[in-house]
C-alpha cells in the first residue's frame, strides 16, 4: 500500500480539516505535481468535512502556461467540478531575462509578481481576513532543499563574496524557509496558512498522480536551473532518497535554530504576507 493516500493524509490533518467549514479557503494552484495532489485531496476533504474552496493560479512565467496546457488542466478539473481561476499576471517574461543581466534571481521576480497579483485579488474581493485560509503545497523535498540552501547560502557562505545572483536577504530567506515546517499557522491578523503536504516525499506524491491519473503541466520553465530545489531534487532522484519529517525537523531545531511556531504566529499579518510566505 502506498505511503500517501487520502485516508492517511486525512487522518494526519483531521483537526485542520475540521476547522475549515465556514472559512474562505483559497487553494494556490500551480499545475505541478505537488499542488495537483493537494487539490485532489482537498476536494475529497471538502465533500467529507463540508467546506468549499476556490482555486487560484498565477499565469507566470507565461511560456509555462500556454493555452493548450491550461485547457488540458481546465478540462480535467472541470470534469471533477473544480473551476480554476487563472490570474494573468501583468509582468512580462522579458523581465525574467533582464533580471539575469542585472544579477537578480529570475525566480524571485516570478514569485514576487505572482504573490503581488494574488494578494491584490484578496484585497479587491473584500475577503474577511479572519476567515481566510490559504493552502500552499510545499512538500518535504521543498523543506529539505530550502534548509540545504540556507546552510550553503547563509551559514557557509563567504560573506565578503558577492553572490552571482541576488535573492532575498539572508534573514528573509531564513524566515521563509523555516515557516514551512509548521503545517497550520494561525496568525493573530485572523488568517491561516495550511501546508498539508510537508510530510511527504516526491516518490509518494508521484505515486498518487499515477494511481489517480491526474494530469500536470508538461511545459517546463526556461529558468528552472536557477531554482536550487530543482538541482537538489535531481540528486535525491538519482540516489532514490526519502526523508523522514521528524528527523529533518529535529535537525533544523538543533543545528539551524528553527524558530518556534509562535515566532511566526505572533508576527504581523502584513509582514508575514509580504516578506515571509
C-alpha atoms as a PDB file:
ATOM      1  CA  UNK A   1       0.000   0.000   0.000  1.00  0.00           C
ATOM      2  CA  UNK A   2       1.259   3.488  -0.865  1.00  0.00           C
ATOM      3  CA  UNK A   3       2.541   5.607   1.990  1.00  0.00           C
ATOM      4  CA  UNK A   4       0.477   8.561   0.819  1.00  0.00           C
ATOM      5  CA  UNK A   5      -3.231   8.207   0.152  1.00  0.00           C
ATOM      6  CA  UNK A   6      -6.317  10.195   1.038  1.00  0.00           C
ATOM      7  CA  UNK A   7      -7.143   8.178   4.163  1.00  0.00           C
ATOM      8  CA  UNK A   8      -3.653   8.575   5.644  1.00  0.00           C
ATOM      9  CA  UNK A   9      -3.490  12.242   4.653  1.00  0.00           C
ATOM     10  CA  UNK A  10      -6.932  12.955   6.144  1.00  0.00           C
ATOM     11  CA  UNK A  11      -6.060  11.329   9.459  1.00  0.00           C
ATOM     12  CA  UNK A  12      -2.857  13.346   9.746  1.00  0.00           C
ATOM     13  CA  UNK A  13      -4.684  16.637   9.105  1.00  0.00           C
ATOM     14  CA  UNK A  14      -8.033  15.830  10.694  1.00  0.00           C
ATOM     15  CA  UNK A  15      -8.026  18.733  13.144  1.00  0.00           C
ATOM     16  CA  UNK A  16      -7.112  21.282  10.491  1.00  0.00           C
ATOM     17  CA  UNK A  17      -9.668  19.936   8.015  1.00  0.00           C
ATOM     18  CA  UNK A  18     -12.417  20.002  10.637  1.00  0.00           C
ATOM     19  CA  UNK A  19     -11.734  23.723  11.163  1.00  0.00           C
ATOM     20  CA  UNK A  20     -12.342  24.682   7.506  1.00  0.00           C
ATOM     21  CA  UNK A  21     -16.175  24.716   7.227  1.00  0.00           C
ATOM     22  CA  UNK A  22     -17.368  28.320   7.127  1.00  0.00           C
ATOM     23  CA  UNK A  23     -13.928  29.655   6.204  1.00  0.00           C
ATOM     24  CA  UNK A  24     -12.822  31.359   2.972  1.00  0.00           C
ATOM     25  CA  UNK A  25     -10.421  28.686   1.753  1.00  0.00           C
ATOM     26  CA  UNK A  26      -8.113  29.631  -1.133  1.00  0.00           C
ATOM     27  CA  UNK A  27      -6.066  26.943  -2.837  1.00  0.00           C
ATOM     28  CA  UNK A  28      -2.968  28.284  -4.636  1.00  0.00           C
ATOM     29  CA  UNK A  29      -2.518  26.013  -7.671  1.00  0.00           C
ATOM     30  CA  UNK A  30       0.496  25.850  -9.986  1.00  0.00           C
ATOM     31  CA  UNK A  31      -0.434  22.901 -12.178  1.00  0.00           C
ATOM     32  CA  UNK A  32       2.598  20.978 -10.936  1.00  0.00           C
ATOM     33  CA  UNK A  33       2.649  17.651  -9.152  1.00  0.00           C
ATOM     34  CA  UNK A  34       2.551  18.945  -5.575  1.00  0.00           C
ATOM     35  CA  UNK A  35      -0.377  21.320  -5.920  1.00  0.00           C
ATOM     36  CA  UNK A  36      -2.262  18.784  -8.060  1.00  0.00           C
ATOM     37  CA  UNK A  37      -2.097  16.184  -5.284  1.00  0.00           C
ATOM     38  CA  UNK A  38      -3.194  18.750  -2.697  1.00  0.00           C
ATOM     39  CA  UNK A  39      -6.102  19.845  -4.895  1.00  0.00           C
ATOM     40  CA  UNK A  40      -7.138  16.213  -5.339  1.00  0.00           C
ATOM     41  CA  UNK A  41      -7.187  15.555  -1.590  1.00  0.00           C
ATOM     42  CA  UNK A  42      -8.740  18.914  -0.760  1.00  0.00           C
ATOM     43  CA  UNK A  43     -11.723  18.176  -2.975  1.00  0.00           C
ATOM     44  CA  UNK A  44     -12.338  14.846  -1.230  1.00  0.00           C
ATOM     45  CA  UNK A  45     -11.957  16.526   2.159  1.00  0.00           C
ATOM     46  CA  UNK A  46     -14.357  19.323   1.213  1.00  0.00           C
ATOM     47  CA  UNK A  47     -17.046  16.771   0.457  1.00  0.00           C
ATOM     48  CA  UNK A  48     -16.396  14.828   3.654  1.00  0.00           C
ATOM     49  CA  UNK A  49     -15.943  17.749   6.060  1.00  0.00           C
ATOM     50  CA  UNK A  50     -18.416  20.130   4.463  1.00  0.00           C
ATOM     51  CA  UNK A  51     -16.310  23.062   3.286  1.00  0.00           C
ATOM     52  CA  UNK A  52     -15.859  24.778  -0.068  1.00  0.00           C
ATOM     53  CA  UNK A  53     -12.767  26.392  -1.545  1.00  0.00           C
ATOM     54  CA  UNK A  54     -11.619  28.468  -4.515  1.00  0.00           C
ATOM     55  CA  UNK A  55      -8.679  27.505  -6.706  1.00  0.00           C
ATOM     56  CA  UNK A  56      -6.345  30.232  -7.978  1.00  0.00           C
ATOM     57  CA  UNK A  57      -3.369  30.051 -10.339  1.00  0.00           C
ATOM     58  CA  UNK A  58      -0.986  32.821 -11.375  1.00  0.00           C
ATOM     59  CA  UNK A  59      -0.140  32.628 -15.088  1.00  0.00           C
ATOM     60  CA  UNK A  60       3.548  33.436 -14.951  1.00  0.00           C
ATOM     61  CA  UNK A  61       6.009  32.837 -16.491  1.00  0.00           C
ATOM     62  CA  UNK A  62       3.701  32.985 -19.494  1.00  0.00           C
ATOM     63  CA  UNK A  63       5.692  30.477 -21.540  1.00  0.00           C
ATOM     64  CA  UNK A  64       4.950  27.834 -18.892  1.00  0.00           C
ATOM     65  CA  UNK A  65       1.181  28.239 -19.279  1.00  0.00           C
ATOM     66  CA  UNK A  66       0.270  28.114 -22.988  1.00  0.00           C
ATOM     67  CA  UNK A  67      -3.440  27.852 -23.749  1.00  0.00           C
ATOM     68  CA  UNK A  68      -3.070  24.166 -24.659  1.00  0.00           C
ATOM     69  CA  UNK A  69      -1.768  23.356 -21.182  1.00  0.00           C
ATOM     70  CA  UNK A  70      -4.376  25.425 -19.392  1.00  0.00           C
ATOM     71  CA  UNK A  71      -7.125  23.862 -21.469  1.00  0.00           C
ATOM     72  CA  UNK A  72      -5.859  20.387 -20.577  1.00  0.00           C
ATOM     73  CA  UNK A  73      -5.939  21.127 -16.872  1.00  0.00           C
ATOM     74  CA  UNK A  74      -9.234  23.009 -17.109  1.00  0.00           C
ATOM     75  CA  UNK A  75     -10.926  20.080 -18.829  1.00  0.00           C
ATOM     76  CA  UNK A  76      -9.777  17.568 -16.238  1.00  0.00           C
ATOM     77  CA  UNK A  77     -10.640  19.631 -13.174  1.00  0.00           C
ATOM     78  CA  UNK A  78     -13.931  20.944 -14.595  1.00  0.00           C
ATOM     79  CA  UNK A  79     -14.979  17.341 -15.155  1.00  0.00           C
ATOM     80  CA  UNK A  80     -14.384  16.893 -11.429  1.00  0.00           C
ATOM     81  CA  UNK A  81     -16.383  20.009 -10.594  1.00  0.00           C
ATOM     82  CA  UNK A  82     -13.439  22.339  -9.879  1.00  0.00           C
ATOM     83  CA  UNK A  83     -13.099  25.739 -11.531  1.00  0.00           C
ATOM     84  CA  UNK A  84      -9.545  27.075 -11.756  1.00  0.00           C
ATOM     85  CA  UNK A  85      -9.341  30.876 -11.570  1.00  0.00           C
ATOM     86  CA  UNK A  86      -6.435  31.821 -13.823  1.00  0.00           C
ATOM     87  CA  UNK A  87      -4.807  35.161 -12.978  1.00  0.00           C
ATOM     88  CA  UNK A  88      -2.978  36.758 -15.899  1.00  0.00           C
ATOM     89  CA  UNK A  89      -0.001  38.287 -14.120  1.00  0.00           C
ATOM     90  CA  UNK A  90       0.892  41.593 -15.775  1.00  0.00           C
ATOM     91  CA  UNK A  91       4.667  41.078 -15.541  1.00  0.00           C
ATOM     92  CA  UNK A  92       6.397  40.161 -18.815  1.00  0.00           C
ATOM     93  CA  UNK A  93       8.622  37.143 -19.372  1.00  0.00           C
ATOM     94  CA  UNK A  94      11.180  39.626 -20.709  1.00  0.00           C
ATOM     95  CA  UNK A  95      11.592  40.835 -17.137  1.00  0.00           C
ATOM     96  CA  UNK A  96      12.997  37.431 -16.213  1.00  0.00           C
ATOM     97  CA  UNK A  97      15.644  37.662 -18.915  1.00  0.00           C
ATOM     98  CA  UNK A  98      16.615  41.184 -17.868  1.00  0.00           C
ATOM     99  CA  UNK A  99      16.802  40.019 -14.238  1.00  0.00           C
ATOM    100  CA  UNK A 100      19.652  37.697 -15.188  1.00  0.00           C
ATOM    101  CA  UNK A 101      21.525  40.574 -16.799  1.00  0.00           C
ATOM    102  CA  UNK A 102      21.066  42.553 -13.564  1.00  0.00           C
ATOM    103  CA  UNK A 103      22.355  39.699 -11.427  1.00  0.00           C
ATOM    104  CA  UNK A 104      18.912  39.181  -9.931  1.00  0.00           C
ATOM    105  CA  UNK A 105      17.300  35.794  -9.428  1.00  0.00           C
ATOM    106  CA  UNK A 106      14.507  35.358 -12.011  1.00  0.00           C
ATOM    107  CA  UNK A 107      12.728  33.073  -9.537  1.00  0.00           C
ATOM    108  CA  UNK A 108      12.499  35.921  -7.040  1.00  0.00           C
ATOM    109  CA  UNK A 109      10.976  38.161  -9.730  1.00  0.00           C
ATOM    110  CA  UNK A 110       8.485  35.430 -10.641  1.00  0.00           C
ATOM    111  CA  UNK A 111       7.416  34.600  -7.092  1.00  0.00           C
ATOM    112  CA  UNK A 112       7.093  38.266  -6.158  1.00  0.00           C
ATOM    113  CA  UNK A 113       4.928  39.022  -9.197  1.00  0.00           C
ATOM    114  CA  UNK A 114       2.557  36.107  -8.588  1.00  0.00           C
ATOM    115  CA  UNK A 115       2.266  36.822  -4.883  1.00  0.00           C
ATOM    116  CA  UNK A 116       1.559  40.516  -5.561  1.00  0.00           C
ATOM    117  CA  UNK A 117      -1.218  39.628  -8.000  1.00  0.00           C
ATOM    118  CA  UNK A 118      -2.901  37.168  -5.659  1.00  0.00           C
ATOM    119  CA  UNK A 119      -2.629  39.474  -2.647  1.00  0.00           C
ATOM    120  CA  UNK A 120      -4.197  42.288  -4.692  1.00  0.00           C
ATOM    121  CA  UNK A 121      -7.016  39.914  -5.601  1.00  0.00           C
ATOM    122  CA  UNK A 122      -7.648  39.149  -1.929  1.00  0.00           C
ATOM    123  CA  UNK A 123      -7.770  42.860  -1.138  1.00  0.00           C
ATOM    124  CA  UNK A 124     -10.089  43.756  -4.003  1.00  0.00           C
ATOM    125  CA  UNK A 125     -12.526  40.954  -3.175  1.00  0.00           C
ATOM    126  CA  UNK A 126     -13.009  42.248   0.340  1.00  0.00           C
ATOM    127  CA  UNK A 127     -12.355  38.834   1.874  1.00  0.00           C
ATOM    128  CA  UNK A 128     -12.645  38.782   5.649  1.00  0.00           C
ATOM    129  CA  UNK A 129      -9.114  38.096   6.840  1.00  0.00           C
ATOM    130  CA  UNK A 130     -10.492  36.465   9.987  1.00  0.00           C
ATOM    131  CA  UNK A 131     -11.944  33.682   7.852  1.00  0.00           C
ATOM    132  CA  UNK A 132      -9.201  33.372   5.229  1.00  0.00           C
ATOM    133  CA  UNK A 133      -7.250  30.118   4.926  1.00  0.00           C
ATOM    134  CA  UNK A 134      -4.514  29.990   2.262  1.00  0.00           C
ATOM    135  CA  UNK A 135      -3.499  26.491   1.161  1.00  0.00           C
ATOM    136  CA  UNK A 136       0.118  26.091  -0.004  1.00  0.00           C
ATOM    137  CA  UNK A 137       1.710  22.962  -1.490  1.00  0.00           C
ATOM    138  CA  UNK A 138       5.210  22.733  -0.040  1.00  0.00           C
ATOM    139  CA  UNK A 139       6.488  19.162   0.076  1.00  0.00           C
ATOM    140  CA  UNK A 140       9.099  17.520   2.298  1.00  0.00           C
ATOM    141  CA  UNK A 141      11.610  17.796  -0.546  1.00  0.00           C
ATOM    142  CA  UNK A 142      10.954  21.552  -0.653  1.00  0.00           C
ATOM    143  CA  UNK A 143      11.748  21.826   3.051  1.00  0.00           C
ATOM    144  CA  UNK A 144      14.948  19.767   2.781  1.00  0.00           C
ATOM    145  CA  UNK A 145      16.142  21.768  -0.234  1.00  0.00           C
ATOM    146  CA  UNK A 146      15.383  25.118   1.391  1.00  0.00           C
ATOM    147  CA  UNK A 147      17.251  24.023   4.523  1.00  0.00           C
ATOM    148  CA  UNK A 148      20.292  22.968   2.489  1.00  0.00           C
ATOM    149  CA  UNK A 149      20.163  26.250   0.595  1.00  0.00           C
ATOM    150  CA  UNK A 150      20.146  28.080   3.925  1.00  0.00           C
ATOM    151  CA  UNK A 151      23.204  26.158   5.100  1.00  0.00           C
ATOM    152  CA  UNK A 152      25.150  26.812   1.913  1.00  0.00           C
ATOM    153  CA  UNK A 153      23.994  30.348   1.250  1.00  0.00           C
ATOM    154  CA  UNK A 154      23.746  31.796   4.750  1.00  0.00           C
ATOM    155  CA  UNK A 155      25.771  29.617   7.124  1.00  0.00           C
ATOM    156  CA  UNK A 156      28.746  28.617   4.970  1.00  0.00           C
ATOM    157  CA  UNK A 157      28.659  31.492   2.504  1.00  0.00           C
ATOM    158  CA  UNK A 158      31.716  33.727   2.162  1.00  0.00           C
ATOM    159  CA  UNK A 159      30.202  36.965   3.415  1.00  0.00           C
ATOM    160  CA  UNK A 160      32.748  39.057   1.534  1.00  0.00           C
ATOM    161  CA  UNK A 161      31.964  37.483  -1.817  1.00  0.00           C
ATOM    162  CA  UNK A 162      29.068  38.888  -3.809  1.00  0.00           C
ATOM    163  CA  UNK A 163      26.594  36.169  -4.887  1.00  0.00           C
ATOM    164  CA  UNK A 164      26.252  35.552  -8.607  1.00  0.00           C
ATOM    165  CA  UNK A 165      22.512  36.189  -8.347  1.00  0.00           C
ATOM    166  CA  UNK A 166      20.762  38.218  -5.688  1.00  0.00           C
ATOM    167  CA  UNK A 167      17.887  36.542  -3.861  1.00  0.00           C
ATOM    168  CA  UNK A 168      16.100  37.636  -0.712  1.00  0.00           C
ATOM    169  CA  UNK A 169      18.175  38.771   2.211  1.00  0.00           C
ATOM    170  CA  UNK A 170      19.544  36.029   4.478  1.00  0.00           C
ATOM    171  CA  UNK A 171      17.066  36.998   7.190  1.00  0.00           C
ATOM    172  CA  UNK A 172      14.063  36.982   4.869  1.00  0.00           C
ATOM    173  CA  UNK A 173      15.104  33.666   3.338  1.00  0.00           C
ATOM    174  CA  UNK A 174      15.646  32.210   6.825  1.00  0.00           C
ATOM    175  CA  UNK A 175      12.079  33.045   7.878  1.00  0.00           C
ATOM    176  CA  UNK A 176      10.622  31.948   4.541  1.00  0.00           C
ATOM    177  CA  UNK A 177      12.394  28.601   4.848  1.00  0.00           C
ATOM    178  CA  UNK A 178      11.509  27.713   8.403  1.00  0.00           C
ATOM    179  CA  UNK A 179       7.878  28.798   8.464  1.00  0.00           C
ATOM    180  CA  UNK A 180       7.338  25.855   6.111  1.00  0.00           C
ATOM    181  CA  UNK A 181       7.938  23.362   8.920  1.00  0.00           C
ATOM    182  CA  UNK A 182       4.551  24.093  10.503  1.00  0.00           C
ATOM    183  CA  UNK A 183       1.506  22.622   8.712  1.00  0.00           C
ATOM    184  CA  UNK A 184      -1.050  25.129  10.053  1.00  0.00           C
ATOM    185  CA  UNK A 185      -0.097  28.631  11.124  1.00  0.00           C
ATOM    186  CA  UNK A 186      -2.954  30.664  12.625  1.00  0.00           C
ATOM    187  CA  UNK A 187      -1.992  34.319  12.557  1.00  0.00           C
ATOM    188  CA  UNK A 188      -3.234  36.960  15.006  1.00  0.00           C
ATOM    189  CA  UNK A 189      -4.345  39.015  11.989  1.00  0.00           C
ATOM    190  CA  UNK A 190      -7.036  36.369  11.553  1.00  0.00           C
ATOM    191  CA  UNK A 191      -5.914  34.354   8.534  1.00  0.00           C
ATOM    192  CA  UNK A 192      -4.300  30.910   8.480  1.00  0.00           C
ATOM    193  CA  UNK A 193      -1.725  29.223   6.245  1.00  0.00           C
ATOM    194  CA  UNK A 194      -2.301  25.499   5.664  1.00  0.00           C
ATOM    195  CA  UNK A 195       0.565  23.393   4.252  1.00  0.00           C
ATOM    196  CA  UNK A 196      -0.789  19.826   4.022  1.00  0.00           C
ATOM    197  CA  UNK A 197       1.998  18.156   2.015  1.00  0.00           C
ATOM    198  CA  UNK A 198       5.108  18.820   4.094  1.00  0.00           C
ATOM    199  CA  UNK A 199       5.360  15.267   5.475  1.00  0.00           C
ATOM    200  CA  UNK A 200       5.676  13.574   2.092  1.00  0.00           C
ATOM    201  CA  UNK A 201       8.460  12.651  -0.303  1.00  0.00           C
ATOM    202  CA  UNK A 202       8.391  13.088  -4.053  1.00  0.00           C
ATOM    203  CA  UNK A 203       8.033   9.338  -4.572  1.00  0.00           C
ATOM    204  CA  UNK A 204       4.784   9.340  -2.574  1.00  0.00           C
ATOM    205  CA  UNK A 205       3.437  12.330  -4.471  1.00  0.00           C
ATOM    206  CA  UNK A 206       4.218  10.882  -7.897  1.00  0.00           C
ATOM    207  CA  UNK A 207       2.587   7.624  -6.878  1.00  0.00           C
ATOM    208  CA  UNK A 208      -0.698   9.416  -6.143  1.00  0.00           C
ATOM    209  CA  UNK A 209      -0.608  11.154  -9.531  1.00  0.00           C
ATOM    210  CA  UNK A 210      -0.033   7.847 -11.292  1.00  0.00           C
ATOM    211  CA  UNK A 211      -2.690   5.940  -9.367  1.00  0.00           C
ATOM    212  CA  UNK A 212      -5.306   8.677  -9.754  1.00  0.00           C
ATOM    213  CA  UNK A 213      -4.441   9.550 -13.365  1.00  0.00           C
ATOM    214  CA  UNK A 214      -4.078  13.258 -12.548  1.00  0.00           C
ATOM    215  CA  UNK A 215      -2.562  15.413 -15.341  1.00  0.00           C
ATOM    216  CA  UNK A 216       0.063  18.063 -14.609  1.00  0.00           C
ATOM    217  CA  UNK A 217       1.798  20.734 -16.634  1.00  0.00           C
ATOM    218  CA  UNK A 218       4.095  19.228 -19.244  1.00  0.00           C
ATOM    219  CA  UNK A 219       5.859  22.503 -20.042  1.00  0.00           C
ATOM    220  CA  UNK A 220       8.933  23.499 -18.046  1.00  0.00           C
ATOM    221  CA  UNK A 221      10.266  26.899 -17.086  1.00  0.00           C
ATOM    222  CA  UNK A 222      13.225  28.257 -19.056  1.00  0.00           C
ATOM    223  CA  UNK A 223      14.703  29.455 -15.764  1.00  0.00           C
ATOM    224  CA  UNK A 224      14.229  26.290 -13.691  1.00  0.00           C
ATOM    225  CA  UNK A 225      18.002  25.862 -13.344  1.00  0.00           C
ATOM    226  CA  UNK A 226      18.037  28.944 -11.109  1.00  0.00           C
ATOM    227  CA  UNK A 227      15.827  27.258  -8.513  1.00  0.00           C
ATOM    228  CA  UNK A 228      18.065  25.385  -6.047  1.00  0.00           C
ATOM    229  CA  UNK A 229      15.262  22.951  -5.218  1.00  0.00           C
ATOM    230  CA  UNK A 230      15.321  21.687  -8.809  1.00  0.00           C
ATOM    231  CA  UNK A 231      19.039  20.969  -8.657  1.00  0.00           C
ATOM    232  CA  UNK A 232      18.823  19.267  -5.269  1.00  0.00           C
ATOM    233  CA  UNK A 233      15.840  17.193  -6.432  1.00  0.00           C
ATOM    234  CA  UNK A 234      17.911  15.711  -9.244  1.00  0.00           C
ATOM    235  CA  UNK A 235      20.354  14.403  -6.670  1.00  0.00           C
ATOM    236  CA  UNK A 236      17.572  12.993  -4.492  1.00  0.00           C
ATOM    237  CA  UNK A 237      16.116  11.213  -7.517  1.00  0.00           C
ATOM    238  CA  UNK A 238      19.431   9.722  -8.615  1.00  0.00           C
ATOM    239  CA  UNK A 239      20.108   8.461  -5.086  1.00  0.00           C
ATOM    240  CA  UNK A 240      16.467   7.422  -4.523  1.00  0.00           C
ATOM    241  CA  UNK A 241      16.486   9.322  -1.245  1.00  0.00           C
ATOM    242  CA  UNK A 242      13.468   9.544   1.016  1.00  0.00           C
ATOM    243  CA  UNK A 243      13.424  11.777   4.055  1.00  0.00           C
ATOM    244  CA  UNK A 244      11.755  11.493   7.437  1.00  0.00           C
ATOM    245  CA  UNK A 245       9.985  14.663   8.547  1.00  0.00           C
ATOM    246  CA  UNK A 246      10.740  14.150  12.242  1.00  0.00           C
ATOM    247  CA  UNK A 247      14.447  13.696  11.533  1.00  0.00           C
ATOM    248  CA  UNK A 248      14.542  16.818   9.361  1.00  0.00           C
ATOM    249  CA  UNK A 249      12.595  18.789  11.979  1.00  0.00           C
ATOM    250  CA  UNK A 250      14.906  17.678  14.809  1.00  0.00           C
ATOM    251  CA  UNK A 251      17.980  18.580  12.762  1.00  0.00           C
ATOM    252  CA  UNK A 252      16.562  22.016  11.992  1.00  0.00           C
ATOM    253  CA  UNK A 253      15.867  22.581  15.688  1.00  0.00           C
ATOM    254  CA  UNK A 254      19.305  21.532  16.880  1.00  0.00           C
ATOM    255  CA  UNK A 255      21.576  22.744  14.074  1.00  0.00           C
ATOM    256  CA  UNK A 256      19.707  25.558  12.353  1.00  0.00           C
ATOM    257  CA  UNK A 257      17.925  27.263  15.267  1.00  0.00           C
ATOM    258  CA  UNK A 258      14.466  26.548  13.882  1.00  0.00           C
ATOM    259  CA  UNK A 259      12.196  29.237  15.369  1.00  0.00           C
ATOM    260  CA  UNK A 260       9.241  28.062  17.437  1.00  0.00           C
ATOM    261  CA  UNK A 261       5.818  28.117  15.819  1.00  0.00           C
ATOM    262  CA  UNK A 262       4.915  31.116  17.998  1.00  0.00           C
ATOM    263  CA  UNK A 263       7.662  33.153  16.313  1.00  0.00           C
ATOM    264  CA  UNK A 264       5.549  33.140  13.157  1.00  0.00           C
ATOM    265  CA  UNK A 265       2.058  33.194  14.624  1.00  0.00           C
ATOM    266  CA  UNK A 266       2.921  36.338  16.624  1.00  0.00           C
ATOM    267  CA  UNK A 267       4.237  38.047  13.508  1.00  0.00           C
ATOM    268  CA  UNK A 268       2.261  40.879  11.961  1.00  0.00           C
ATOM    269  CA  UNK A 269      -0.025  39.638   9.200  1.00  0.00           C
ATOM    270  CA  UNK A 270       1.072  42.192   6.598  1.00  0.00           C
ATOM    271  CA  UNK A 271       4.742  41.474   7.286  1.00  0.00           C
ATOM    272  CA  UNK A 272       4.149  37.745   7.005  1.00  0.00           C
ATOM    273  CA  UNK A 273       2.291  38.003   3.696  1.00  0.00           C
ATOM    274  CA  UNK A 274       4.777  40.437   2.133  1.00  0.00           C
ATOM    275  CA  UNK A 275       8.094  39.180   3.495  1.00  0.00           C
ATOM    276  CA  UNK A 276       7.760  35.585   4.683  1.00  0.00           C
ATOM    277  CA  UNK A 277       5.236  33.442   2.812  1.00  0.00           C
END
